[in-house]
Amino acid sequence: MTRRILTCAVLLVPFLLPANGYKILAVRSAKATALGEAFIVQADDPSAVAFNPAGLADLRGVQLSLQSTWCNAYTEHTSPGGVKTDMEDKWQPVPSAFATWDMGTERFTLGLGVSLPNGLSSEWGADSFARYSGYYSELIIADYTLALGYRINEQLSVGFGLDYYVSELEQRQRIPGFAFFPALPLDPAVRIKGSGEAWGFNLGIRYEFNERHAVAATYRKAFTVDYDGDVAVQGVGSFGMETSFDYPGSIVLGYAYRPNERWTFEVNLDWTHWSQVGDVVLDIPALAGQPFAPDGQVRIERDFHNTLAYKFGVQYQYSEALALRFGYIYNENATAEAVWNPTQPDTDMHFFTCGFAYDVTDYLTLETAFQLVYYETRSIANDVGFPFGDVDGTYRTWAPCFTLGVVCRF
């Protein structure tokens, strides 16, 4: 009986988070966010640890950068029958911190950083249309980075970063218990929860042709997190679970133009290798011997495609103390319609960003960033949740975010 209940619970889990749940733009740095993340060429503050370690080579002394981004998302689902449902909105903080030290040298700079390339959750009502496909999801990845920048000569610098990732995931949904097991609570809740860790690395290079023109490139290696956790079924109990998630590698190319001392323009092209993300395999020993999982494993198909993000940023040095910044990002979606689910409504996205930096003293800079994210309307017709519910319909989302940060120089 218990195995039959667990079998139904697992088979109804579409699992787990679509592509944009793995990677969130514009949350790591106040300056980079205000510039639409077109920043790998400039990379001239401690957040270079996260964007291009080659930029560390130009940072002198000891510097510290602290910031936090607050984001909210407003999503509306309209069913084929015209019923509207809103995702529950809430402001969520995403902090980051970076520190650099030149070690008393002219060419080397060491950097340390902690940031969250993902740290957000999404939640529909527990009794909403999404209850059988996932009404709550959360994926948190903390990236602890040790980086080193080295200036080879006046024009060329390179950098290396070693990444240690710590991750937690959780998804909640319901199963139609009344349909299979009348003794269970009506629509019992299922919770999948796990945690894991992984190692990775990133590389960066920057070349300055002259004071006006410079280029850069970065590479971030793919990595896989092995999660240990459990599947808990309301009214039944908890069962051990292991699984792995692939996280894609990426390559970013950038060009910066500085026509004079006041203006700086930069463009970046960000390619993410989503097609290397494999299917998800749930290893649940309690299922061993079942016809569909004789070895206790269940495979869930993923279908992602590679994406490009186009980034543009401009900075205007209004005065000696005040810099104004503006940016734009267009980010392609990565999730095929057949596996799309509402836990993270993946679609093509437009980021409109701005911000300013003000030098309070020679040693302290206050930075801000504001962004409005517009998700293109996406209409879905697939079999996720079928036959006990479906996620078909039209999704509309927009998200405001703001960042406040400081840079201290010692």
Protein backbone atom coordinates (compact mmCIF):
# COMPACT_ATOMS: atom_id res chain seq x y z
CA MET A 1 0.00 0.00 0.00
CA THR A 2 2.75 2.47 0.99
CA ARG A 3 4.71 1.74 -2.17
CA ARG A 4 1.63 2.28 -4.32
CA ILE A 5 1.05 5.69 -2.71
CA LEU A 6 4.70 6.70 -3.17
CA THR A 7 4.56 5.46 -6.77
CA CYS A 8 1.64 7.76 -7.55
CA ALA A 9 3.31 10.67 -5.82
CA VAL A 10 6.56 10.32 -7.80
CA LEU A 11 4.88 9.74 -11.15
CA LEU A 12 2.89 12.95 -10.72
CA VAL A 13 5.99 15.04 -9.98
CA PRO A 14 7.05 16.82 -13.20
CA PHE A 15 10.33 17.69 -11.43
CA LEU A 16 11.55 20.19 -10.69
CA LEU A 17 12.57 23.58 -11.94
CA PRO A 18 12.83 24.92 -15.48
CA ALA A 19 15.83 26.70 -16.89
CA ASN A 20 15.43 30.20 -15.53
CA GLY A 21 15.16 28.59 -12.10
CA TYR A 22 18.82 27.70 -12.48
CA LYS A 23 20.17 31.08 -13.50
CA ILE A 24 19.01 34.52 -12.50
CA LEU A 25 20.57 37.62 -14.03
CA ALA A 26 21.30 40.97 -12.41
CA VAL A 27 21.50 40.07 -8.72
CA ARG A 28 25.23 39.86 -7.95
CA SER A 29 26.53 43.44 -8.21
CA ALA A 30 25.03 46.92 -7.91
CA LYS A 31 27.27 48.33 -10.63
CA ALA A 32 26.90 45.40 -13.01
CA THR A 33 23.12 45.36 -12.56
CA ALA A 34 22.79 49.09 -13.32
CA LEU A 35 24.84 48.47 -16.49
CA GLY A 36 22.64 45.59 -17.64
CA GLU A 37 25.42 43.18 -16.63
CA ALA A 38 27.52 44.48 -19.54
CA PHE A 39 30.51 44.48 -17.22
CA ILE A 40 33.12 41.82 -18.04
CA VAL A 41 35.40 44.34 -19.82
CA GLN A 42 35.22 47.06 -17.17
CA ALA A 43 35.23 44.63 -14.19
CA ASP A 44 36.72 47.43 -12.10
CA ASP A 45 35.33 46.77 -8.61
CA PRO A 46 35.47 43.74 -6.27
CA SER A 47 32.48 42.09 -7.96
CA ALA A 48 34.93 41.25 -10.76
CA VAL A 49 35.31 38.06 -8.68
CA ALA A 50 31.92 36.98 -10.08
CA PHE A 51 32.10 38.51 -13.56
CA ASN A 52 35.71 38.43 -14.79
CA PRO A 53 38.64 37.65 -12.47
CA ALA A 54 41.02 39.24 -15.00
CA GLY A 55 39.67 42.62 -13.88
CA LEU A 56 40.99 42.03 -10.37
CA ALA A 57 44.54 42.73 -11.55
CA ASP A 58 43.85 46.50 -11.62
CA LEU A 59 42.38 46.74 -8.11
CA ARG A 60 44.89 48.16 -5.64
CA GLY A 61 45.04 47.87 -1.88
CA VAL A 62 42.19 46.23 0.00
CA GLN A 63 38.63 46.72 -1.25
CA LEU A 64 35.28 45.47 -0.03
CA SER A 65 31.93 45.41 -1.86
CA LEU A 66 28.62 44.63 -0.13
CA GLN A 67 25.17 44.71 -1.71
CA SER A 68 21.71 43.25 -1.54
CA THR A 69 19.06 43.02 -4.24
CA TRP A 70 15.35 42.83 -3.43
CA CYS A 71 13.14 41.26 -6.11
CA ASN A 72 9.45 40.61 -6.53
CA ALA A 73 7.55 38.96 -9.37
CA TYR A 74 3.94 39.44 -10.42
CA THR A 75 2.65 36.57 -12.54
CA GLU A 76 -0.87 36.08 -13.84
CA HIS A 77 -2.16 32.86 -15.37
CA THR A 78 -5.24 32.86 -17.59
CA SER A 79 -6.68 29.43 -18.26
CA PRO A 80 -8.15 28.44 -21.66
CA GLY A 81 -11.55 29.02 -20.04
CA GLY A 82 -10.65 32.57 -18.98
CA VAL A 83 -10.07 31.96 -15.25
CA LYS A 84 -7.32 34.21 -13.86
CA THR A 85 -4.93 33.19 -11.06
CA ASP A 86 -2.13 35.27 -9.58
CA MET A 87 1.13 33.88 -8.26
CA GLU A 88 1.72 34.91 -4.65
CA ASP A 89 4.10 37.87 -4.69
CA LYS A 90 6.69 38.62 -2.04
CA TRP A 91 9.89 40.65 -1.84
CA GLN A 92 12.94 38.41 -1.61
CA PRO A 93 16.48 39.56 -0.71
CA VAL A 94 19.55 38.30 -2.60
CA PRO A 95 22.79 39.44 -0.89
CA SER A 96 26.40 39.25 -2.10
CA ALA A 97 29.82 40.24 -0.79
CA PHE A 98 33.27 40.52 -2.38
CA ALA A 99 36.73 41.43 -1.09
CA THR A 100 40.05 41.97 -2.89
CA TRP A 101 43.69 42.38 -1.80
CA ASP A 102 46.68 43.17 -4.02
CA MET A 103 49.08 41.41 -1.60
CA GLY A 104 51.46 44.37 -1.87
CA THR A 105 52.29 43.54 -5.49
CA GLU A 106 51.84 45.42 -8.77
CA ARG A 107 50.52 42.54 -10.87
CA PHE A 108 48.60 40.11 -8.65
CA THR A 109 45.27 40.63 -6.87
CA LEU A 110 43.46 38.05 -4.78
CA GLY A 111 39.66 38.04 -4.56
CA LEU A 112 37.07 36.34 -2.36
CA GLY A 113 33.33 36.36 -2.92
CA VAL A 114 30.02 34.87 -1.96
CA SER A 115 26.97 35.38 -4.14
CA LEU A 116 23.71 33.69 -5.06
CA PRO A 117 23.33 33.09 -8.81
CA ASN A 118 19.99 31.71 -7.70
CA GLY A 119 18.20 32.38 -4.46
CA LEU A 120 14.53 32.86 -5.28
CA SER A 121 11.33 30.91 -4.76
CA SER A 122 7.92 30.94 -6.42
CA GLU A 123 4.52 30.03 -4.99
CA TRP A 124 1.03 29.59 -6.33
CA GLY A 125 -1.89 28.86 -4.06
CA ALA A 126 -1.87 25.36 -2.57
CA ASP A 127 -5.35 24.84 -4.05
CA SER A 128 -4.67 26.55 -7.37
CA PHE A 129 -4.53 25.07 -10.87
CA ALA A 130 -0.81 24.35 -10.24
CA ARG A 131 -1.35 22.12 -7.21
CA TYR A 132 -0.68 18.86 -9.11
CA SER A 133 2.32 20.17 -11.06
CA GLY A 134 4.09 22.12 -8.31
CA TYR A 135 2.62 25.03 -6.39
CA TYR A 136 5.85 25.92 -4.54
CA SER A 137 9.47 25.72 -5.63
CA GLU A 138 12.76 27.01 -4.30
CA LEU A 139 16.29 26.53 -5.56
CA ILE A 140 19.12 28.24 -3.69
CA ILE A 141 22.73 28.13 -4.90
CA ALA A 142 25.46 29.88 -2.94
CA ASP A 143 28.70 30.39 -4.88
CA TYR A 144 31.83 30.75 -2.72
CA THR A 145 34.67 31.92 -4.96
CA LEU A 146 38.43 32.27 -4.55
CA ALA A 147 39.86 34.21 -7.51
CA LEU A 148 43.21 35.53 -8.69
CA GLY A 149 43.89 38.23 -11.30
CA TYR A 150 47.26 38.74 -12.97
CA ARG A 151 48.38 41.57 -15.24
CA ILE A 152 50.79 40.16 -17.81
CA ASN A 153 51.65 43.53 -19.35
CA GLU A 154 50.12 46.97 -19.90
CA GLN A 155 47.48 45.57 -22.24
CA LEU A 156 46.76 41.98 -21.19
CA SER A 157 45.42 40.55 -17.94
CA VAL A 158 44.07 37.11 -17.06
CA GLY A 159 42.21 35.59 -14.13
CA PHE A 160 41.13 32.32 -12.57
CA GLY A 161 38.34 31.56 -10.09
CA LEU A 162 37.70 28.42 -8.06
CA ASP A 163 34.00 27.98 -7.17
CA TYR A 164 32.47 25.97 -4.36
CA TYR A 165 28.71 25.65 -4.71
CA VAL A 166 26.27 24.83 -1.90
CA SER A 167 22.67 24.24 -2.92
CA GLU A 168 19.25 23.49 -1.44
CA LEU A 169 16.07 22.66 -3.32
CA GLU A 170 12.45 22.15 -2.40
CA GLN A 171 9.24 21.57 -4.29
CA ARG A 172 5.71 21.06 -2.97
CA GLN A 173 2.66 19.80 -4.80
CA ARG A 174 -0.45 17.72 -4.21
CA ILE A 175 -1.60 14.32 -5.46
CA PRO A 176 -5.23 13.42 -6.05
CA GLY A 177 -5.37 11.01 -3.11
CA PHE A 178 -9.13 10.78 -3.25
CA ALA A 179 -8.84 9.23 -6.72
CA PHE A 180 -6.51 6.40 -5.64
CA PHE A 181 -6.60 6.03 -1.88
CA PRO A 182 -9.81 7.19 -0.16
CA ALA A 183 -8.20 6.68 3.27
CA LEU A 184 -5.73 9.53 2.61
CA PRO A 185 -6.47 13.23 3.23
CA LEU A 186 -8.08 15.02 0.32
CA ASP A 187 -5.29 16.00 -2.13
CA PRO A 188 -2.39 15.11 0.22
CA ALA A 189 0.72 17.26 -0.05
CA VAL A 190 4.03 15.95 -1.41
CA ARG A 191 7.28 17.68 -0.52
CA ILE A 192 10.62 17.00 -2.18
CA LYS A 193 13.61 18.46 -0.36
CA GLY A 194 17.36 18.04 -0.76
CA SER A 195 20.78 19.63 -0.39
CA GLY A 196 24.13 19.15 -2.07
CA GLU A 197 27.43 20.71 -3.12
CA ALA A 198 29.85 20.81 -6.04
CA TRP A 199 33.11 22.35 -7.27
CA GLY A 200 33.67 24.38 -10.44
CA PHE A 201 35.91 27.03 -11.92
CA ASN A 202 35.85 30.06 -14.20
CA LEU A 203 38.41 31.82 -16.39
CA GLY A 204 38.72 35.37 -17.66
CA ILE A 205 40.88 37.42 -20.00
CA ARG A 206 40.91 41.12 -20.88
CA TYR A 207 42.87 42.97 -23.56
CA GLU A 208 43.10 46.78 -23.83
CA PHE A 209 43.99 48.03 -27.30
CA ASN A 210 44.30 51.58 -26.00
CA GLU A 211 42.47 53.96 -23.64
CA ARG A 212 39.32 53.83 -25.79
CA HIS A 213 38.92 50.20 -26.85
CA ALA A 214 39.07 46.96 -24.88
CA VAL A 215 37.71 43.41 -25.16
CA ALA A 216 37.22 40.54 -22.75
CA ALA A 217 36.01 36.94 -22.55
CA THR A 218 35.01 34.64 -19.71
CA TYR A 219 34.29 30.95 -19.39
CA ARG A 220 32.39 29.25 -16.58
CA LYS A 221 32.59 25.47 -16.36
CA ALA A 222 29.46 23.33 -16.08
CA PHE A 223 29.00 21.45 -12.82
CA THR A 224 26.70 18.85 -11.27
CA VAL A 225 25.23 18.95 -7.77
CA ASP A 226 24.40 15.62 -6.11
CA TYR A 227 21.47 16.09 -3.76
CA ASP A 228 20.54 14.00 -0.72
CA GLY A 229 17.07 14.46 0.68
CA ASP A 230 13.65 12.94 1.03
CA VAL A 231 10.18 12.69 -0.45
CA ALA A 232 7.49 13.30 2.19
CA VAL A 233 3.86 12.32 1.52
CA GLN A 234 1.20 13.73 3.86
CA GLY A 235 -0.42 10.97 5.87
CA VAL A 236 2.13 8.37 4.75
CA GLY A 237 5.68 9.35 5.77
CA SER A 238 9.11 10.27 4.40
CA PHE A 239 11.32 8.27 2.05
CA GLY A 240 15.01 8.75 1.29
CA MET A 241 15.86 10.26 -2.08
CA GLU A 242 19.00 11.06 -4.08
CA THR A 243 19.24 12.94 -7.35
CA SER A 244 21.59 15.09 -9.42
CA PHE A 245 21.12 18.36 -11.25
CA ASP A 246 23.32 19.54 -14.10
CA TYR A 247 24.14 23.24 -14.23
CA PRO A 248 25.28 24.54 -17.62
CA GLY A 249 28.54 26.15 -18.59
CA SER A 250 28.65 29.57 -20.21
CA ILE A 251 30.85 31.80 -22.36
CA VAL A 252 30.60 35.61 -22.34
CA LEU A 253 32.26 37.95 -24.85
CA GLY A 254 32.51 41.70 -24.32
CA TYR A 255 33.64 44.94 -25.94
CA ALA A 256 33.94 48.35 -24.25
CA TYR A 257 34.36 51.80 -25.84
CA ARG A 258 35.37 54.91 -23.93
CA PRO A 259 35.25 57.94 -26.25
CA ASN A 260 36.27 60.35 -23.47
CA GLU A 261 36.65 60.52 -19.70
CA ARG A 262 32.90 60.91 -19.11
CA TRP A 263 31.35 58.17 -21.24
CA THR A 264 31.82 54.38 -21.20
CA PHE A 265 29.82 51.97 -23.39
CA GLU A 266 29.93 48.19 -23.16
CA VAL A 267 28.20 45.29 -24.90
CA ASN A 268 28.30 41.62 -23.84
CA LEU A 269 27.09 38.44 -25.53
CA ASP A 270 26.30 35.69 -23.01
CA TRP A 271 25.94 32.12 -24.33
CA THR A 272 24.64 29.42 -21.95
CA HIS A 273 25.01 25.74 -22.84
CA TRP A 274 21.60 24.52 -21.63
CA SER A 275 21.51 21.56 -24.02
CA GLN A 276 24.14 19.82 -21.88
CA VAL A 277 21.64 19.60 -19.01
CA GLY A 278 20.61 15.95 -18.84
CA ASP A 279 17.49 14.21 -17.61
CA VAL A 280 16.84 14.08 -13.89
CA VAL A 281 17.04 10.66 -12.23
CA LEU A 282 15.32 10.18 -8.85
CA ASP A 283 16.91 7.39 -6.82
CA ILE A 284 14.32 6.29 -4.22
CA PRO A 285 15.21 2.92 -2.64
CA ALA A 286 11.64 2.51 -1.32
CA LEU A 287 10.48 2.09 -4.93
CA ALA A 288 12.81 -0.83 -5.66
CA GLY A 289 10.91 -3.75 -7.14
CA GLN A 290 8.07 -1.69 -8.59
CA PRO A 291 7.32 -2.52 -12.25
CA PHE A 292 8.17 0.98 -13.49
CA ALA A 293 11.29 1.26 -11.26
CA PRO A 294 12.77 -2.18 -10.54
CA ASP A 295 16.08 -0.58 -9.50
CA GLY A 296 14.39 2.18 -7.47
CA GLN A 297 15.10 4.86 -10.06
CA VAL A 298 12.72 7.13 -11.96
CA ARG A 299 13.88 9.21 -14.92
CA ILE A 300 12.26 12.57 -15.69
CA GLU A 301 12.90 14.04 -19.13
CA ARG A 302 14.38 17.53 -19.47
CA ASP A 303 14.40 19.37 -22.77
CA PHE A 304 16.40 22.61 -22.73
CA HIS A 305 18.02 24.48 -25.59
CA ASN A 306 21.04 26.79 -25.66
CA THR A 307 20.37 30.48 -25.14
CA LEU A 308 21.89 33.89 -25.74
CA ALA A 309 21.59 36.97 -23.58
CA TYR A 310 22.36 40.33 -25.20
CA LYS A 311 23.60 42.96 -22.73
CA PHE A 312 24.24 46.67 -23.14
CA GLY A 313 25.39 49.23 -20.59
CA VAL A 314 26.45 52.88 -20.51
CA GLN A 315 28.00 54.97 -17.75
CA TYR A 316 28.14 58.77 -17.69
CA GLN A 317 30.47 60.45 -15.21
CA TYR A 318 28.24 63.40 -14.36
CA SER A 319 30.70 64.89 -11.90
CA GLU A 320 33.81 63.85 -10.04
CA ALA A 321 31.65 62.19 -7.38
CA LEU A 322 28.52 61.09 -9.28
CA ALA A 323 28.25 58.45 -12.01
CA LEU A 324 24.97 57.66 -13.81
CA ARG A 325 24.37 54.21 -15.27
CA PHE A 326 21.86 52.64 -17.66
CA GLY A 327 21.49 49.17 -19.17
CA TYR A 328 19.38 46.66 -21.07
CA ILE A 329 19.33 42.85 -21.33
CA TYR A 330 17.43 40.59 -23.69
CA ASN A 331 17.52 37.00 -22.40
CA GLU A 332 16.18 34.08 -24.44
CA ASN A 333 14.14 31.34 -22.76
CA ALA A 334 15.58 27.83 -22.52
CA THR A 335 12.58 25.61 -21.77
CA ALA A 336 10.73 23.59 -24.40
CA GLU A 337 6.95 23.80 -24.16
CA ALA A 338 6.55 20.07 -23.59
CA VAL A 339 8.30 20.19 -20.17
CA TRP A 340 7.36 23.74 -19.19
CA ASN A 341 5.70 24.12 -15.79
CA PRO A 342 4.56 27.12 -13.74
CA THR A 343 7.02 26.84 -10.86
CA GLN A 344 9.30 29.29 -12.69
CA PRO A 345 7.58 30.81 -15.74
CA ASP A 346 10.43 30.69 -18.23
CA THR A 347 10.06 32.94 -21.28
CA ASP A 348 11.99 35.56 -23.25
CA MET A 349 12.82 38.44 -20.92
CA HIS A 350 13.68 42.14 -21.20
CA PHE A 351 15.60 43.89 -18.41
CA PHE A 352 15.55 47.70 -18.21
CA THR A 353 18.11 48.90 -15.66
CA CYS A 354 19.54 52.10 -14.24
CA GLY A 355 21.38 53.32 -11.16
CA PHE A 356 24.02 55.66 -9.83
CA ALA A 357 27.22 55.65 -7.80
CA TYR A 358 28.18 58.45 -5.45
CA ASP A 359 31.61 58.84 -3.85
CA VAL A 360 30.82 59.85 -0.29
CA THR A 361 34.56 60.04 0.45
CA ASP A 362 37.73 58.88 -1.30
CA TYR A 363 37.27 55.58 0.51
CA LEU A 364 33.52 54.99 0.38
CA THR A 365 31.13 54.74 -2.59
CA LEU A 366 27.37 54.32 -2.36
CA GLU A 367 25.81 52.40 -5.28
CA THR A 368 22.25 51.74 -6.37
CA ALA A 369 20.54 49.84 -9.16
CA PHE A 370 16.92 49.63 -10.25
CA GLN A 371 15.50 47.19 -12.76
CA LEU A 372 12.18 46.41 -14.34
CA VAL A 373 11.97 42.94 -15.87
CA TYR A 374 9.32 42.30 -18.50
CA TYR A 375 8.55 38.67 -19.41
CA GLU A 376 7.09 38.20 -22.86
CA THR A 377 3.62 36.64 -22.75
CA ARG A 378 3.83 32.88 -23.19
CA SER A 379 0.97 30.54 -24.08
CA ILE A 380 1.34 26.92 -22.99
CA ALA A 381 -0.43 23.74 -24.09
CA ASN A 382 1.25 20.57 -22.81
CA ASP A 383 0.58 17.45 -20.74
CA VAL A 384 2.17 18.59 -17.47
CA GLY A 385 -0.25 17.67 -14.67
CA PHE A 386 -2.54 15.70 -17.01
CA PRO A 387 -5.00 13.99 -16.42
CA PHE A 388 -5.70 15.43 -12.94
CA GLY A 389 -5.04 19.04 -13.86
CA ASP A 390 -3.17 21.03 -16.41
CA VAL A 391 -1.03 24.14 -16.68
CA ASP A 392 -2.34 25.20 -20.10
CA GLY A 393 -3.06 28.85 -20.61
CA THR A 394 -1.38 32.23 -20.94
CA TYR A 395 1.24 33.57 -18.53
CA ARG A 396 2.13 37.23 -18.04
CA THR A 397 4.90 38.32 -15.67
CA TRP A 398 6.76 41.47 -14.69
CA ALA A 399 9.24 41.96 -11.88
CA PRO A 400 10.65 45.06 -10.15
CA CYS A 401 13.99 44.84 -8.33
CA PHE A 402 16.29 47.29 -6.59
CA THR A 403 19.84 47.01 -5.27
CA LEU A 404 21.70 48.96 -2.62
CA GLY A 405 25.43 48.55 -2.11
CA VAL A 406 28.65 50.08 -0.85
CA VAL A 407 32.28 49.82 -1.94
CA CYS A 408 34.97 50.49 0.68
CA ARG A 409 38.64 51.03 -0.17
CA PHE A 410 41.38 50.72 2.47
